[in-house]
């Protein structure tokens, strides 16, 4: 692959890492660009390769968030275990069948999410979670469903995690983002393990992209933590609308 193409992919990885660290959805930038810039590669190879920078970038962003928001270790272990298995299963299913039939359903779900988030002006601006009565079963269900979705379909999984943690568990945006980053690590790792077993990762591209994605994730998480919940909410709406545009193109025009 030409050096100029790798440099362009690295720049895109930086931007994707930044966006993903703020509110999730970096794959909306990285995946379409990867498919365009690596047209001779199989889709599974492109997706598998791009999961590596996503994982590394999320690692750096997660570290930044956990400096600010403390998550109990038992919760981390439960959520990540469920998310890993669900994502691995979703990616395995993806290698055997198309996810195309699910995209219209996801599109209309995202329309509802965008309207709900926009109309609920106070959504995620303050925390309503009570640690003593933490709804473990709801958190486990979120990790199972969205973990599988991330492995099988993918677009906007980080943003869906954020919204689910806010609306189902009562987190504010900062808490939800911190939990979403931890879970996203596990979903990315689940997919990476599957694609490694299938031999579908181009490491010569994945490694430089991973470095750039990590730098973007570092700066994005710093910005989100500094600016707080209102900034993250605005960014969240932008990413949801971008996800709608991407899925809308796949469903109605592609």
Protein backbone atom coordinates (compact mmCIF):
# COMPACT_ATOMS: atom_id res chain seq x y z
CA UNK A 1 0.00 0.00 0.00
CA UNK A 2 1.24 3.51 -0.87
CA UNK A 3 2.70 5.65 1.91
CA UNK A 4 0.28 8.51 1.12
CA UNK A 5 -2.69 6.18 1.68
CA UNK A 6 -1.32 5.03 5.04
CA UNK A 7 -0.74 8.66 6.10
CA UNK A 8 -4.33 9.54 5.16
CA UNK A 9 -5.63 6.54 7.11
CA UNK A 10 -3.59 7.69 10.11
CA UNK A 11 -5.07 11.20 9.96
CA UNK A 12 -8.54 9.68 9.79
CA UNK A 13 -7.68 7.42 12.74
CA UNK A 14 -6.68 10.49 14.80
CA UNK A 15 -10.03 12.20 14.08
CA UNK A 16 -11.93 8.97 14.78
CA UNK A 17 -10.10 8.55 18.08
CA UNK A 18 -10.97 12.10 19.11
CA UNK A 19 -14.68 11.74 18.28
CA UNK A 20 -14.87 8.28 19.86
CA UNK A 21 -13.33 9.53 23.09
CA UNK A 22 -15.83 12.37 23.42
CA UNK A 23 -19.02 10.35 22.90
CA UNK A 24 -18.40 7.23 20.80
CA UNK A 25 -19.07 6.75 17.10
CA UNK A 26 -15.50 7.01 15.81
CA UNK A 27 -16.19 4.01 13.60
CA UNK A 28 -18.54 6.20 11.54
CA UNK A 29 -15.43 8.04 10.35
CA UNK A 30 -12.90 5.23 10.30
CA UNK A 31 -14.86 2.36 8.72
CA UNK A 32 -16.20 4.13 5.58
CA UNK A 33 -12.76 5.69 5.00
CA UNK A 34 -11.09 2.29 5.38
CA UNK A 35 -13.46 0.67 2.91
CA UNK A 36 -12.81 3.45 0.37
CA UNK A 37 -9.03 3.56 0.81
CA UNK A 38 -8.55 -0.23 0.89
CA UNK A 39 -10.83 -1.26 -2.00
CA UNK A 40 -8.87 -4.41 -2.91
CA UNK A 41 -9.16 -5.90 0.58
CA UNK A 42 -12.02 -8.09 1.77
CA UNK A 43 -14.55 -6.28 3.99
CA UNK A 44 -13.72 -8.63 6.89
CA UNK A 45 -10.02 -7.71 6.54
CA UNK A 46 -10.79 -3.98 6.58
CA UNK A 47 -13.11 -4.28 9.59
CA UNK A 48 -10.67 -6.53 11.44
CA UNK A 49 -7.76 -4.18 10.77
CA UNK A 50 -9.71 -1.11 11.94
CA UNK A 51 -10.74 -2.79 15.19
CA UNK A 52 -7.11 -2.61 16.37
CA UNK A 53 -6.80 1.22 16.31
CA UNK A 54 -10.28 1.47 17.80
CA UNK A 55 -9.21 -0.74 20.69
CA UNK A 56 -5.93 1.08 21.36
CA UNK A 57 -7.55 4.52 21.12
CA UNK A 58 -10.28 3.45 23.52
CA UNK A 59 -7.59 2.20 25.95
CA UNK A 60 -6.07 5.66 26.25
CA UNK A 61 -9.46 7.38 26.48
CA UNK A 62 -10.63 4.88 29.13
CA UNK A 63 -7.57 5.61 31.27
CA UNK A 64 -8.37 9.34 31.19
CA UNK A 65 -12.01 8.81 32.16
CA UNK A 66 -11.18 6.42 35.00
CA UNK A 67 -9.00 9.14 36.53
CA UNK A 68 -12.19 11.18 36.93
CA UNK A 69 -14.95 8.57 37.37
CA UNK A 70 -14.34 5.56 39.63
CA UNK A 71 -16.10 2.35 38.60
CA UNK A 72 -16.29 -0.61 41.03
CA UNK A 73 -14.02 -3.46 39.92
CA UNK A 74 -16.76 -6.10 40.17
CA UNK A 75 -18.95 -4.05 37.81
CA UNK A 76 -16.08 -3.68 35.32
CA UNK A 77 -15.44 -7.44 35.36
CA UNK A 78 -19.12 -8.31 34.89
CA UNK A 79 -19.78 -5.76 32.14
CA UNK A 80 -16.61 -6.50 30.16
CA UNK A 81 -17.03 -10.28 30.35
CA UNK A 82 -20.58 -10.11 28.98
CA UNK A 83 -19.61 -7.54 26.32
CA UNK A 84 -16.59 -9.59 25.16
CA UNK A 85 -18.61 -12.78 24.67
CA UNK A 86 -21.50 -10.92 23.01
CA UNK A 87 -19.20 -9.06 20.59
CA UNK A 88 -17.25 -12.21 19.70
CA UNK A 89 -20.56 -13.96 18.96
CA UNK A 90 -21.78 -11.04 16.85
CA UNK A 91 -18.57 -10.96 14.78
CA UNK A 92 -18.74 -14.73 14.33
CA UNK A 93 -22.28 -14.41 13.02
CA UNK A 94 -21.14 -11.58 10.72
CA UNK A 95 -18.62 -13.94 9.06
CA UNK A 96 -21.49 -16.30 8.23
CA UNK A 97 -24.32 -13.98 7.20
CA UNK A 98 -25.04 -10.38 6.20
CA UNK A 99 -26.13 -7.76 8.72
CA UNK A 100 -27.87 -5.76 5.96
CA UNK A 101 -31.40 -6.86 6.92
CA UNK A 102 -31.03 -5.32 10.40
CA UNK A 103 -30.00 -1.85 9.22
CA UNK A 104 -33.53 -0.47 8.53
CA UNK A 105 -34.57 -1.44 12.08
CA UNK A 106 -31.51 0.26 13.58
CA UNK A 107 -32.13 3.35 11.44
CA UNK A 108 -35.60 3.91 12.88
CA UNK A 109 -34.40 3.18 16.41
CA UNK A 110 -31.78 5.92 15.98
CA UNK A 111 -34.43 8.38 14.75
CA UNK A 112 -36.31 7.83 18.01
CA UNK A 113 -33.07 8.21 20.00
CA UNK A 114 -32.20 11.51 18.27
CA UNK A 115 -35.68 12.96 18.92
CA UNK A 116 -35.68 11.74 22.52
CA UNK A 117 -32.23 13.19 23.27
CA UNK A 118 -33.03 16.54 21.64
CA UNK A 119 -36.37 17.01 23.39
CA UNK A 120 -35.11 15.92 26.84
CA UNK A 121 -32.98 18.99 27.53
CA UNK A 122 -31.91 17.73 30.97
CA UNK A 123 -31.00 14.23 29.77
CA UNK A 124 -27.70 13.13 31.27
CA UNK A 125 -26.88 16.49 32.84
CA UNK A 126 -27.10 15.12 36.37
CA UNK A 127 -26.70 11.67 37.89
CA UNK A 128 -29.66 9.81 39.38
CA UNK A 129 -27.87 6.50 40.06
CA UNK A 130 -27.89 5.08 43.58
CA UNK A 131 -24.95 2.74 44.14
CA UNK A 132 -26.71 0.90 46.97
CA UNK A 133 -29.52 -0.16 44.63
CA UNK A 134 -27.54 -0.45 41.41
CA UNK A 135 -29.64 -2.32 38.78
CA UNK A 136 -27.07 -4.98 37.81
CA UNK A 137 -29.48 -6.85 35.55
CA UNK A 138 -30.11 -3.74 33.44
CA UNK A 139 -26.37 -3.11 33.05
CA UNK A 140 -25.81 -6.74 32.07
CA UNK A 141 -28.62 -6.55 29.48
CA UNK A 142 -27.09 -3.38 27.97
CA UNK A 143 -23.69 -5.06 27.62
CA UNK A 144 -25.22 -8.19 26.10
CA UNK A 145 -27.41 -6.45 23.52
CA UNK A 146 -25.10 -3.64 22.44
CA UNK A 147 -22.03 -5.89 22.67
CA UNK A 148 -23.64 -8.26 20.16
CA UNK A 149 -24.71 -5.30 18.02
CA UNK A 150 -21.14 -3.93 17.97
CA UNK A 151 -19.74 -7.25 16.78
CA UNK A 152 -22.49 -7.86 14.22
CA UNK A 153 -23.34 -4.40 12.80
CA UNK A 154 -21.27 -1.77 14.59
CA UNK A 155 -22.10 1.85 13.63
CA UNK A 156 -22.68 4.05 16.66
CA UNK A 157 -22.32 1.30 19.28
CA UNK A 158 -20.43 3.63 21.62
CA UNK A 159 -23.17 6.24 21.37
CA UNK A 160 -25.86 3.62 22.00
CA UNK A 161 -23.99 2.51 25.13
CA UNK A 162 -23.89 6.10 26.38
CA UNK A 163 -27.64 6.60 25.87
CA UNK A 164 -28.51 3.22 27.41
CA UNK A 165 -26.43 3.93 30.51
CA UNK A 166 -28.14 7.33 30.90
CA UNK A 167 -31.75 6.30 30.24
CA UNK A 168 -31.70 2.84 31.87
CA UNK A 169 -29.27 3.36 34.74
CA UNK A 170 -29.58 7.09 35.47
CA UNK A 171 -25.96 8.10 34.83
CA UNK A 172 -24.96 11.57 33.72
CA UNK A 173 -23.05 11.90 30.43
CA UNK A 174 -19.63 11.76 32.07
CA UNK A 175 -20.43 8.61 34.06
CA UNK A 176 -22.11 7.01 31.04
CA UNK A 177 -19.13 7.80 28.83
CA UNK A 178 -16.73 6.26 31.34
CA UNK A 179 -18.74 3.04 31.54
CA UNK A 180 -19.21 2.99 27.77
CA UNK A 181 -15.45 3.23 27.21
CA UNK A 182 -14.79 0.25 29.49
CA UNK A 183 -17.46 -1.83 27.75
CA UNK A 184 -16.25 -0.69 24.31
CA UNK A 185 -12.79 -2.01 25.15
CA UNK A 186 -14.29 -5.45 25.67
CA UNK A 187 -16.44 -5.36 22.51
CA UNK A 188 -13.46 -4.31 20.39
CA UNK A 189 -11.29 -6.99 21.96
CA UNK A 190 -13.94 -9.65 21.31
CA UNK A 191 -14.01 -8.74 17.62
CA UNK A 192 -10.19 -8.54 17.42
CA UNK A 193 -9.79 -12.05 18.83
CA UNK A 194 -12.27 -13.39 16.28
CA UNK A 195 -10.60 -11.59 13.34
CA UNK A 196 -7.13 -12.67 14.53
CA UNK A 197 -8.27 -16.29 14.51
CA UNK A 198 -9.56 -15.73 10.96
CA UNK A 199 -6.25 -14.07 9.91
CA UNK A 200 -8.08 -10.90 8.86
CA UNK A 201 -5.83 -8.16 10.31
CA UNK A 202 -3.23 -6.18 8.32
CA UNK A 203 -0.82 -5.29 11.12
CA UNK A 204 1.34 -3.01 8.94
CA UNK A 205 -1.68 -0.70 8.64
CA UNK A 206 -3.30 -1.40 12.00
CA UNK A 207 -0.28 -0.41 14.14
CA UNK A 208 0.39 3.13 12.77
CA UNK A 209 -3.36 3.80 12.76
CA UNK A 210 -3.54 2.61 16.37
CA UNK A 211 -0.88 5.13 17.45
CA UNK A 212 -2.78 7.99 15.80
CA UNK A 213 -6.13 6.82 17.16
CA UNK A 214 -4.62 6.72 20.67
CA UNK A 215 -3.36 10.32 20.37
CA UNK A 216 -6.82 11.42 19.19
CA UNK A 217 -8.43 9.51 22.06
CA UNK A 218 -6.14 11.19 24.57
CA UNK A 219 -7.03 14.71 23.41
CA UNK A 220 -10.74 13.92 22.95
CA UNK A 221 -11.14 12.53 26.46
CA UNK A 222 -9.27 15.52 27.93
CA UNK A 223 -11.66 17.88 26.14
CA UNK A 224 -14.79 15.98 27.21
CA UNK A 225 -13.73 15.83 30.86
CA UNK A 226 -12.82 19.52 30.86
CA UNK A 227 -16.00 20.73 29.13
CA UNK A 228 -18.44 18.46 31.00
CA UNK A 229 -21.94 17.11 30.40
CA UNK A 230 -23.42 19.86 28.18
CA UNK A 231 -20.54 19.64 25.72
CA UNK A 232 -20.81 15.83 25.60
CA UNK A 233 -24.60 16.02 25.08
CA UNK A 234 -24.16 18.34 22.07
CA UNK A 235 -21.46 16.12 20.60
CA UNK A 236 -23.68 13.10 21.22
CA UNK A 237 -26.50 14.58 19.12
CA UNK A 238 -24.08 15.36 16.28
CA UNK A 239 -22.77 11.78 16.27
CA UNK A 240 -26.29 10.29 16.36
CA UNK A 241 -27.29 12.42 13.35
CA UNK A 242 -24.11 11.33 11.54
CA UNK A 243 -24.97 7.70 12.31
CA UNK A 244 -28.45 8.25 10.86
CA UNK A 245 -26.96 9.69 7.67
CA UNK A 246 -24.60 6.73 7.33
CA UNK A 247 -27.28 4.10 7.93
CA UNK A 248 -29.80 6.04 5.83
CA UNK A 249 -27.41 5.87 2.89
CA UNK A 250 -26.93 2.11 3.40
CA UNK A 251 -30.67 1.47 3.70
CA UNK A 252 -32.20 3.79 1.10
CA UNK A 253 -29.50 4.66 -1.44
CA UNK A 254 -26.88 1.92 -1.46
